[in-house]
Amino acid sequence: SLFLIQEIEMFFKKFNNKSIGENIATLRNELAHVDRKKELMNILTIGDYVKIGNYLKTIVTSYLLSDLGINNIIIEKYQAQTIQE
């Protein structure tokens, strides 16, 4: 949903102006490759990692709910509640 995209964009804007995809790819590469330069890992807090994990969980769950035929309005309410936790 647009709401979720905006939330994730606002989160990453605290650190840089890259796209959501670029930031997730960078973070994944930094976590997976020990020898890589750590752009995000050096500035993210444990709370930031928890928030990113929550965003990713919400994306996957929303996809599954959509695949099950759940109405988008209900999915967006779920996203809003989950992100606020």
PDB file of N, CA and C in Angstrom:
ATOM      1  N   SER A   1       0.836  -1.192   0.000  1.00  0.00           N
ATOM      2  CA  SER A   1       0.000   0.000   0.000  1.00  0.00           C
ATOM      3  C   SER A   1       0.877   1.250   0.000  1.00  0.00           C
ATOM      4  N   LEU A   2       0.287   2.324  -0.413  1.00  0.00           N
ATOM      5  CA  LEU A   2       0.991   3.605  -0.436  1.00  0.00           C
ATOM      6  C   LEU A   2       1.453   3.988   0.970  1.00  0.00           C
ATOM      7  N   PHE A   3       0.613   3.715   1.962  1.00  0.00           N
ATOM      8  CA  PHE A   3       0.956   4.022   3.354  1.00  0.00           C
ATOM      9  C   PHE A   3       2.255   3.324   3.757  1.00  0.00           C
ATOM     10  N   LEU A   4       2.347   2.043   3.472  1.00  0.00           N
ATOM     11  CA  LEU A   4       3.527   1.263   3.855  1.00  0.00           C
ATOM     12  C   LEU A   4       4.770   1.751   3.111  1.00  0.00           C
ATOM     13  N   ILE A   5       4.618   2.036   1.835  1.00  0.00           N
ATOM     14  CA  ILE A   5       5.746   2.556   1.050  1.00  0.00           C
ATOM     15  C   ILE A   5       6.247   3.867   1.646  1.00  0.00           C
ATOM     16  N   GLN A   6       5.323   4.757   1.979  1.00  0.00           N
ATOM     17  CA  GLN A   6       5.706   6.050   2.554  1.00  0.00           C
ATOM     18  C   GLN A   6       6.403   5.880   3.901  1.00  0.00           C
ATOM     19  N   GLU A   7       5.915   4.963   4.726  1.00  0.00           N
ATOM     20  CA  GLU A   7       6.543   4.705   6.028  1.00  0.00           C
ATOM     21  C   GLU A   7       7.984   4.234   5.858  1.00  0.00           C
ATOM     22  N   ILE A   8       8.191   3.302   4.945  1.00  0.00           N
ATOM     23  CA  ILE A   8       9.536   2.757   4.727  1.00  0.00           C
ATOM     24  C   ILE A   8      10.453   3.816   4.120  1.00  0.00           C
ATOM     25  N   GLU A   9       9.934   4.595   3.178  1.00  0.00           N
ATOM     26  CA  GLU A   9      10.738   5.674   2.588  1.00  0.00           C
ATOM     27  C   GLU A   9      11.159   6.683   3.648  1.00  0.00           C
ATOM     28  N   MET A  10      10.220   7.071   4.522  1.00  0.00           N
ATOM     29  CA  MET A  10      10.547   8.030   5.590  1.00  0.00           C
ATOM     30  C   MET A  10      11.598   7.458   6.531  1.00  0.00           C
ATOM     31  N   PHE A  11      11.503   6.170   6.823  1.00  0.00           N
ATOM     32  CA  PHE A  11      12.479   5.529   7.699  1.00  0.00           C
ATOM     33  C   PHE A  11      13.880   5.638   7.099  1.00  0.00           C
ATOM     34  N   PHE A  12      14.038   5.250   5.839  1.00  0.00           N
ATOM     35  CA  PHE A  12      15.361   5.248   5.218  1.00  0.00           C
ATOM     36  C   PHE A  12      15.873   6.650   4.910  1.00  0.00           C
ATOM     37  N   LYS A  13      14.981   7.630   4.749  1.00  0.00           N
ATOM     38  CA  LYS A  13      15.412   9.011   4.472  1.00  0.00           C
ATOM     39  C   LYS A  13      16.242   9.581   5.621  1.00  0.00           C
ATOM     40  N   LYS A  14      16.128   9.006   6.818  1.00  0.00           N
ATOM     41  CA  LYS A  14      16.954   9.443   7.951  1.00  0.00           C
ATOM     42  C   LYS A  14      18.430   9.154   7.694  1.00  0.00           C
ATOM     43  N   PHE A  15      18.700   8.211   6.783  1.00  0.00           N
ATOM     44  CA  PHE A  15      20.064   7.753   6.566  1.00  0.00           C
ATOM     45  C   PHE A  15      20.639   8.161   5.213  1.00  0.00           C
ATOM     46  N   ASN A  16      19.801   8.191   4.168  1.00  0.00           N
ATOM     47  CA  ASN A  16      20.264   8.547   2.824  1.00  0.00           C
ATOM     48  C   ASN A  16      19.063   8.806   1.919  1.00  0.00           C
ATOM     49  N   ASN A  17      19.329   9.110   0.661  1.00  0.00           N
ATOM     50  CA  ASN A  17      18.252   9.383  -0.301  1.00  0.00           C
ATOM     51  C   ASN A  17      18.075   8.261  -1.319  1.00  0.00           C
ATOM     52  N   LYS A  18      18.580   7.082  -1.012  1.00  0.00           N
ATOM     53  CA  LYS A  18      18.448   5.948  -1.928  1.00  0.00           C
ATOM     54  C   LYS A  18      17.027   5.393  -1.876  1.00  0.00           C
ATOM     55  N   SER A  19      16.676   4.610  -2.887  1.00  0.00           N
ATOM     56  CA  SER A  19      15.346   3.997  -2.943  1.00  0.00           C
ATOM     57  C   SER A  19      15.225   2.895  -1.887  1.00  0.00           C
ATOM     58  N   ILE A  20      13.997   2.476  -1.648  1.00  0.00           N
ATOM     59  CA  ILE A  20      13.754   1.384  -0.701  1.00  0.00           C
ATOM     60  C   ILE A  20      14.515   0.137  -1.151  1.00  0.00           C
ATOM     61  N   GLY A  21      14.402  -0.188  -2.435  1.00  0.00           N
ATOM     62  CA  GLY A  21      15.078  -1.375  -2.965  1.00  0.00           C
ATOM     63  C   GLY A  21      16.585  -1.322  -2.801  1.00  0.00           C
ATOM     64  N   GLU A  22      17.161  -0.160  -3.078  1.00  0.00           N
ATOM     65  CA  GLU A  22      18.615  -0.007  -2.922  1.00  0.00           C
ATOM     66  C   GLU A  22      19.022  -0.189  -1.465  1.00  0.00           C
ATOM     67  N   ASN A  23      18.260   0.381  -0.546  1.00  0.00           N
ATOM     68  CA  ASN A  23      18.600   0.267   0.874  1.00  0.00           C
ATOM     69  C   ASN A  23      18.466  -1.161   1.379  1.00  0.00           C
ATOM     70  N   ILE A  24      17.414  -1.853   0.976  1.00  0.00           N
ATOM     71  CA  ILE A  24      17.244  -3.240   1.408  1.00  0.00           C
ATOM     72  C   ILE A  24      18.349  -4.108   0.816  1.00  0.00           C
ATOM     73  N   ALA A  25      18.689  -3.873  -0.455  1.00  0.00           N
ATOM     74  CA  ALA A  25      19.775  -4.636  -1.087  1.00  0.00           C
ATOM     75  C   ALA A  25      21.108  -4.356  -0.398  1.00  0.00           C
ATOM     76  N   THR A  26      21.369  -3.089  -0.086  1.00  0.00           N
ATOM     77  CA  THR A  26      22.609  -2.723   0.605  1.00  0.00           C
ATOM     78  C   THR A  26      22.684  -3.414   1.955  1.00  0.00           C
ATOM     79  N   LEU A  27      21.601  -3.357   2.705  1.00  0.00           N
ATOM     80  CA  LEU A  27      21.582  -3.973   4.029  1.00  0.00           C
ATOM     81  C   LEU A  27      21.771  -5.483   3.934  1.00  0.00           C
ATOM     82  N   ARG A  28      21.109  -6.101   2.990  1.00  0.00           N
ATOM     83  CA  ARG A  28      21.251  -7.547   2.801  1.00  0.00           C
ATOM     84  C   ARG A  28      22.699  -7.903   2.474  1.00  0.00           C
ATOM     85  N   ASN A  29      23.310  -7.137   1.577  1.00  0.00           N
ATOM     86  CA  ASN A  29      24.698  -7.398   1.196  1.00  0.00           C
ATOM     87  C   ASN A  29      25.659  -7.175   2.359  1.00  0.00           C
ATOM     88  N   GLU A  30      25.409  -6.144   3.145  1.00  0.00           N
ATOM     89  CA  GLU A  30      26.273  -5.882   4.301  1.00  0.00           C
ATOM     90  C   GLU A  30      26.163  -7.000   5.331  1.00  0.00           C
ATOM     91  N   LEU A  31      24.970  -7.536   5.508  1.00  0.00           N
ATOM     92  CA  LEU A  31      24.777  -8.628   6.464  1.00  0.00           C
ATOM     93  C   LEU A  31      25.367  -9.937   5.946  1.00  0.00           C
ATOM     94  N   ALA A  32      25.250 -10.172   4.646  1.00  0.00           N
ATOM     95  CA  ALA A  32      25.673 -11.450   4.072  1.00  0.00           C
ATOM     96  C   ALA A  32      27.171 -11.536   3.792  1.00  0.00           C
ATOM     97  N   HIS A  33      27.806 -10.398   3.542  1.00  0.00           N
ATOM     98  CA  HIS A  33      29.215 -10.398   3.152  1.00  0.00           C
ATOM     99  C   HIS A  33      30.046  -9.661   4.199  1.00  0.00           C
ATOM    100  N   VAL A  34      30.802 -10.424   4.954  1.00  0.00           N
ATOM    101  CA  VAL A  34      31.585  -9.875   6.061  1.00  0.00           C
ATOM    102  C   VAL A  34      32.593  -8.835   5.590  1.00  0.00           C
ATOM    103  N   ASP A  35      33.160  -9.036   4.420  1.00  0.00           N
ATOM    104  CA  ASP A  35      34.227  -8.156   3.940  1.00  0.00           C
ATOM    105  C   ASP A  35      33.720  -6.869   3.278  1.00  0.00           C
ATOM    106  N   ARG A  36      32.425  -6.711   3.155  1.00  0.00           N
ATOM    107  CA  ARG A  36      31.862  -5.503   2.530  1.00  0.00           C
ATOM    108  C   ARG A  36      31.921  -4.302   3.439  1.00  0.00           C
ATOM    109  N   LYS A  37      32.060  -3.133   2.803  1.00  0.00           N
ATOM    110  CA  LYS A  37      31.991  -1.872   3.540  1.00  0.00           C
ATOM    111  C   LYS A  37      30.595  -1.761   4.167  1.00  0.00           C
ATOM    112  N   LYS A  38      30.529  -1.312   5.402  1.00  0.00           N
ATOM    113  CA  LYS A  38      29.268  -1.249   6.147  1.00  0.00           C
ATOM    114  C   LYS A  38      28.720   0.173   6.174  1.00  0.00           C
ATOM    115  N   GLU A  39      27.922   0.519   5.161  1.00  0.00           N
ATOM    116  CA  GLU A  39      27.325   1.853   5.114  1.00  0.00           C
ATOM    117  C   GLU A  39      26.184   1.976   6.122  1.00  0.00           C
ATOM    118  N   LEU A  40      25.223   1.081   6.017  1.00  0.00           N
ATOM    119  CA  LEU A  40      24.049   1.152   6.891  1.00  0.00           C
ATOM    120  C   LEU A  40      24.294   0.504   8.251  1.00  0.00           C
ATOM    121  N   MET A  41      24.993  -0.614   8.257  1.00  0.00           N
ATOM    122  CA  MET A  41      25.196  -1.336   9.517  1.00  0.00           C
ATOM    123  C   MET A  41      25.898  -0.486  10.566  1.00  0.00           C
ATOM    124  N   ASN A  42      26.731   0.443  10.140  1.00  0.00           N
ATOM    125  CA  ASN A  42      27.449   1.290  11.093  1.00  0.00           C
ATOM    126  C   ASN A  42      26.580   2.387  11.694  1.00  0.00           C
ATOM    127  N   ILE A  43      25.412   2.638  11.105  1.00  0.00           N
ATOM    128  CA  ILE A  43      24.572   3.723  11.630  1.00  0.00           C
ATOM    129  C   ILE A  43      23.219   3.249  12.162  1.00  0.00           C
ATOM    130  N   LEU A  44      22.818   2.020  11.838  1.00  0.00           N
ATOM    131  CA  LEU A  44      21.540   1.504  12.327  1.00  0.00           C
ATOM    132  C   LEU A  44      21.653   1.044  13.776  1.00  0.00           C
ATOM    133  N   THR A  45      20.599   1.277  14.531  1.00  0.00           N
ATOM    134  CA  THR A  45      20.533   0.791  15.909  1.00  0.00           C
ATOM    135  C   THR A  45      19.784  -0.545  15.929  1.00  0.00           C
ATOM    136  N   ILE A  46      19.798  -1.200  17.071  1.00  0.00           N
ATOM    137  CA  ILE A  46      19.023  -2.437  17.223  1.00  0.00           C
ATOM    138  C   ILE A  46      17.549  -2.146  16.959  1.00  0.00           C
ATOM    139  N   GLY A  47      17.067  -1.014  17.453  1.00  0.00           N
ATOM    140  CA  GLY A  47      15.677  -0.620  17.215  1.00  0.00           C
ATOM    141  C   GLY A  47      15.369  -0.459  15.732  1.00  0.00           C
ATOM    142  N   ASP A  48      16.346   0.059  14.977  1.00  0.00           N
ATOM    143  CA  ASP A  48      16.167   0.197  13.529  1.00  0.00           C
ATOM    144  C   ASP A  48      16.036  -1.173  12.865  1.00  0.00           C
ATOM    145  N   TYR A  49      16.858  -2.125  13.296  1.00  0.00           N
ATOM    146  CA  TYR A  49      16.768  -3.479  12.745  1.00  0.00           C
ATOM    147  C   TYR A  49      15.413  -4.100  13.052  1.00  0.00           C
ATOM    148  N   VAL A  50      14.914  -3.871  14.253  1.00  0.00           N
ATOM    149  CA  VAL A  50      13.596  -4.387  14.634  1.00  0.00           C
ATOM    150  C   VAL A  50      12.528  -3.775  13.731  1.00  0.00           C
ATOM    151  N   LYS A  51      12.633  -2.474  13.495  1.00  0.00           N
ATOM    152  CA  LYS A  51      11.662  -1.781  12.646  1.00  0.00           C
ATOM    153  C   LYS A  51      11.714  -2.323  11.218  1.00  0.00           C
ATOM    154  N   ILE A  52      12.906  -2.525  10.675  1.00  0.00           N
ATOM    155  CA  ILE A  52      13.045  -3.075   9.322  1.00  0.00           C
ATOM    156  C   ILE A  52      12.437  -4.475   9.267  1.00  0.00           C
ATOM    157  N   GLY A  53      12.723  -5.276  10.277  1.00  0.00           N
ATOM    158  CA  GLY A  53      12.140  -6.617  10.343  1.00  0.00           C
ATOM    159  C   GLY A  53      10.623  -6.572  10.363  1.00  0.00           C
ATOM    160  N   ASN A  54      10.073  -5.615  11.089  1.00  0.00           N
ATOM    161  CA  ASN A  54       8.621  -5.449  11.160  1.00  0.00           C
ATOM    162  C   ASN A  54       8.058  -5.054   9.794  1.00  0.00           C
ATOM    163  N   TYR A  55       8.756  -4.153   9.097  1.00  0.00           N
ATOM    164  CA  TYR A  55       8.316  -3.770   7.750  1.00  0.00           C
ATOM    165  C   TYR A  55       8.297  -4.987   6.825  1.00  0.00           C
ATOM    166  N   LEU A  56       9.369  -5.768   6.847  1.00  0.00           N
ATOM    167  CA  LEU A  56       9.459  -6.929   5.965  1.00  0.00           C
ATOM    168  C   LEU A  56       8.394  -7.966   6.304  1.00  0.00           C
ATOM    169  N   LYS A  57       8.161  -8.184   7.596  1.00  0.00           N
ATOM    170  CA  LYS A  57       7.113  -9.122   8.024  1.00  0.00           C
ATOM    171  C   LYS A  57       5.749  -8.644   7.544  1.00  0.00           C
ATOM    172  N   THR A  58       5.509  -7.353   7.644  1.00  0.00           N
ATOM    173  CA  THR A  58       4.233  -6.783   7.213  1.00  0.00           C
ATOM    174  C   THR A  58       4.041  -6.937   5.709  1.00  0.00           C
ATOM    175  N   ILE A  59       5.108  -6.738   4.940  1.00  0.00           N
ATOM    176  CA  ILE A  59       5.027  -6.896   3.482  1.00  0.00           C
ATOM    177  C   ILE A  59       4.665  -8.335   3.119  1.00  0.00           C
ATOM    178  N   VAL A  60       5.365  -9.296   3.720  1.00  0.00           N
ATOM    179  CA  VAL A  60       5.116 -10.707   3.411  1.00  0.00           C
ATOM    180  C   VAL A  60       3.705 -11.105   3.833  1.00  0.00           C
ATOM    181  N   THR A  61       3.303 -10.716   5.033  1.00  0.00           N
ATOM    182  CA  THR A  61       1.968 -11.060   5.524  1.00  0.00           C
ATOM    183  C   THR A  61       0.888 -10.425   4.650  1.00  0.00           C
ATOM    184  N   SER A  62       1.104  -9.184   4.242  1.00  0.00           N
ATOM    185  CA  SER A  62       0.132  -8.502   3.378  1.00  0.00           C
ATOM    186  C   SER A  62      -0.015  -9.225   2.045  1.00  0.00           C
ATOM    187  N   TYR A  63       1.097  -9.685   1.504  1.00  0.00           N
ATOM    188  CA  TYR A  63       1.047 -10.436   0.251  1.00  0.00           C
ATOM    189  C   TYR A  63       0.231 -11.717   0.431  1.00  0.00           C
ATOM    190  N   LEU A  64       0.479 -12.429   1.527  1.00  0.00           N
ATOM    191  CA  LEU A  64      -0.257 -13.671   1.777  1.00  0.00           C
ATOM    192  C   LEU A  64      -1.747 -13.401   1.964  1.00  0.00           C
ATOM    193  N   LEU A  65      -2.081 -12.347   2.704  1.00  0.00           N
ATOM    194  CA  LEU A  65      -3.490 -11.993   2.901  1.00  0.00           C
ATOM    195  C   LEU A  65      -4.151 -11.662   1.567  1.00  0.00           C
ATOM    196  N   SER A  66      -3.440 -10.935   0.720  1.00  0.00           N
ATOM    197  CA  SER A  66      -3.960 -10.591  -0.602  1.00  0.00           C
ATOM    198  C   SER A  66      -4.169 -11.848  -1.444  1.00  0.00           C
ATOM    199  N   ASP A  67      -3.206 -12.749  -1.370  1.00  0.00           N
ATOM    200  CA  ASP A  67      -3.287 -14.007  -2.110  1.00  0.00           C
ATOM    201  C   ASP A  67      -4.479 -14.850  -1.656  1.00  0.00           C
ATOM    202  N   LEU A  68      -4.855 -14.698  -0.394  1.00  0.00           N
ATOM    203  CA  LEU A  68      -6.008 -15.425   0.147  1.00  0.00           C
ATOM    204  C   LEU A  68      -7.329 -14.735  -0.181  1.00  0.00           C
ATOM    205  N   GLY A  69      -7.252 -13.578  -0.827  1.00  0.00           N
ATOM    206  CA  GLY A  69      -8.462 -12.883  -1.236  1.00  0.00           C
ATOM    207  C   GLY A  69      -9.002 -11.884  -0.231  1.00  0.00           C
ATOM    208  N   ILE A  70      -8.206 -11.545   0.773  1.00  0.00           N
ATOM    209  CA  ILE A  70      -8.631 -10.562   1.772  1.00  0.00           C
ATOM    210  C   ILE A  70      -8.700  -9.185   1.109  1.00  0.00           C
ATOM    211  N   ASN A  71      -9.732  -8.437   1.435  1.00  0.00           N
ATOM    212  CA  ASN A  71      -9.967  -7.108   0.877  1.00  0.00           C
ATOM    213  C   ASN A  71      -8.809  -6.168   1.206  1.00  0.00           C
ATOM    214  N   ASN A  72      -8.431  -5.324   0.238  1.00  0.00           N
ATOM    215  CA  ASN A  72      -7.309  -4.391   0.421  1.00  0.00           C
ATOM    216  C   ASN A  72      -7.523  -3.426   1.579  1.00  0.00           C
ATOM    217  N   ILE A  73      -8.752  -3.026   1.826  1.00  0.00           N
ATOM    218  CA  ILE A  73      -9.028  -2.111   2.944  1.00  0.00           C
ATOM    219  C   ILE A  73      -8.648  -2.770   4.265  1.00  0.00           C
ATOM    220  N   ILE A  74      -8.970  -4.036   4.411  1.00  0.00           N
ATOM    221  CA  ILE A  74      -8.623  -4.776   5.631  1.00  0.00           C
ATOM    222  C   ILE A  74      -7.108  -4.930   5.734  1.00  0.00           C
ATOM    223  N   ILE A  75      -6.457  -5.212   4.619  1.00  0.00           N
ATOM    224  CA  ILE A  75      -4.998  -5.356   4.614  1.00  0.00           C
ATOM    225  C   ILE A  75      -4.338  -4.040   5.009  1.00  0.00           C
ATOM    226  N   GLU A  76      -4.833  -2.932   4.496  1.00  0.00           N
ATOM    227  CA  GLU A  76      -4.263  -1.627   4.838  1.00  0.00           C
ATOM    228  C   GLU A  76      -4.464  -1.299   6.316  1.00  0.00           C
ATOM    229  N   LYS A  77      -5.594  -1.689   6.886  1.00  0.00           N
ATOM    230  CA  LYS A  77      -5.812  -1.498   8.332  1.00  0.00           C
ATOM    231  C   LYS A  77      -4.807  -2.331   9.121  1.00  0.00           C
ATOM    232  N   TYR A  78      -4.597  -3.574   8.672  1.00  0.00           N
ATOM    233  CA  TYR A  78      -3.597  -4.435   9.310  1.00  0.00           C
ATOM    234  C   TYR A  78      -2.218  -3.778   9.260  1.00  0.00           C
ATOM    235  N   GLN A  79      -1.854  -3.249   8.091  1.00  0.00           N
ATOM    236  CA  GLN A  79      -0.551  -2.608   7.937  1.00  0.00           C
ATOM    237  C   GLN A  79      -0.407  -1.422   8.883  1.00  0.00           C
ATOM    238  N   ALA A  80      -1.429  -0.593   8.950  1.00  0.00           N
ATOM    239  CA  ALA A  80      -1.374   0.590   9.816  1.00  0.00           C
ATOM    240  C   ALA A  80      -1.213   0.186  11.275  1.00  0.00           C
ATOM    241  N   GLN A  81      -1.932  -0.842  11.705  1.00  0.00           N
ATOM    242  CA  GLN A  81      -1.822  -1.302  13.095  1.00  0.00           C
ATOM    243  C   GLN A  81      -0.456  -1.911  13.367  1.00  0.00           C
ATOM    244  N   THR A  82       0.032  -2.711  12.448  1.00  0.00           N
ATOM    245  CA  THR A  82       1.310  -3.399  12.637  1.00  0.00           C
ATOM    246  C   THR A  82       2.471  -2.417  12.669  1.00  0.00           C
ATOM    247  N   ILE A  83       2.453  -1.440  11.788  1.00  0.00           N
ATOM    248  CA  ILE A  83       3.548  -0.475  11.706  1.00  0.00           C
ATOM    249  C   ILE A  83       3.588   0.421  12.940  1.00  0.00           C
ATOM    250  N   GLN A  84       2.453   0.693  13.537  1.00  0.00           N
ATOM    251  CA  GLN A  84       2.405   1.572  14.707  1.00  0.00           C
ATOM    252  C   GLN A  84       2.901   0.884  15.975  1.00  0.00           C
ATOM    253  N   GLU A  85       3.013  -0.437  15.966  1.00  0.00           N
ATOM    254  CA  GLU A  85       3.449  -1.175  17.171  1.00  0.00           C
ATOM    255  C   GLU A  85       4.900  -0.920  17.476  1.00  0.00           C
TER     256      GLU A  85
END
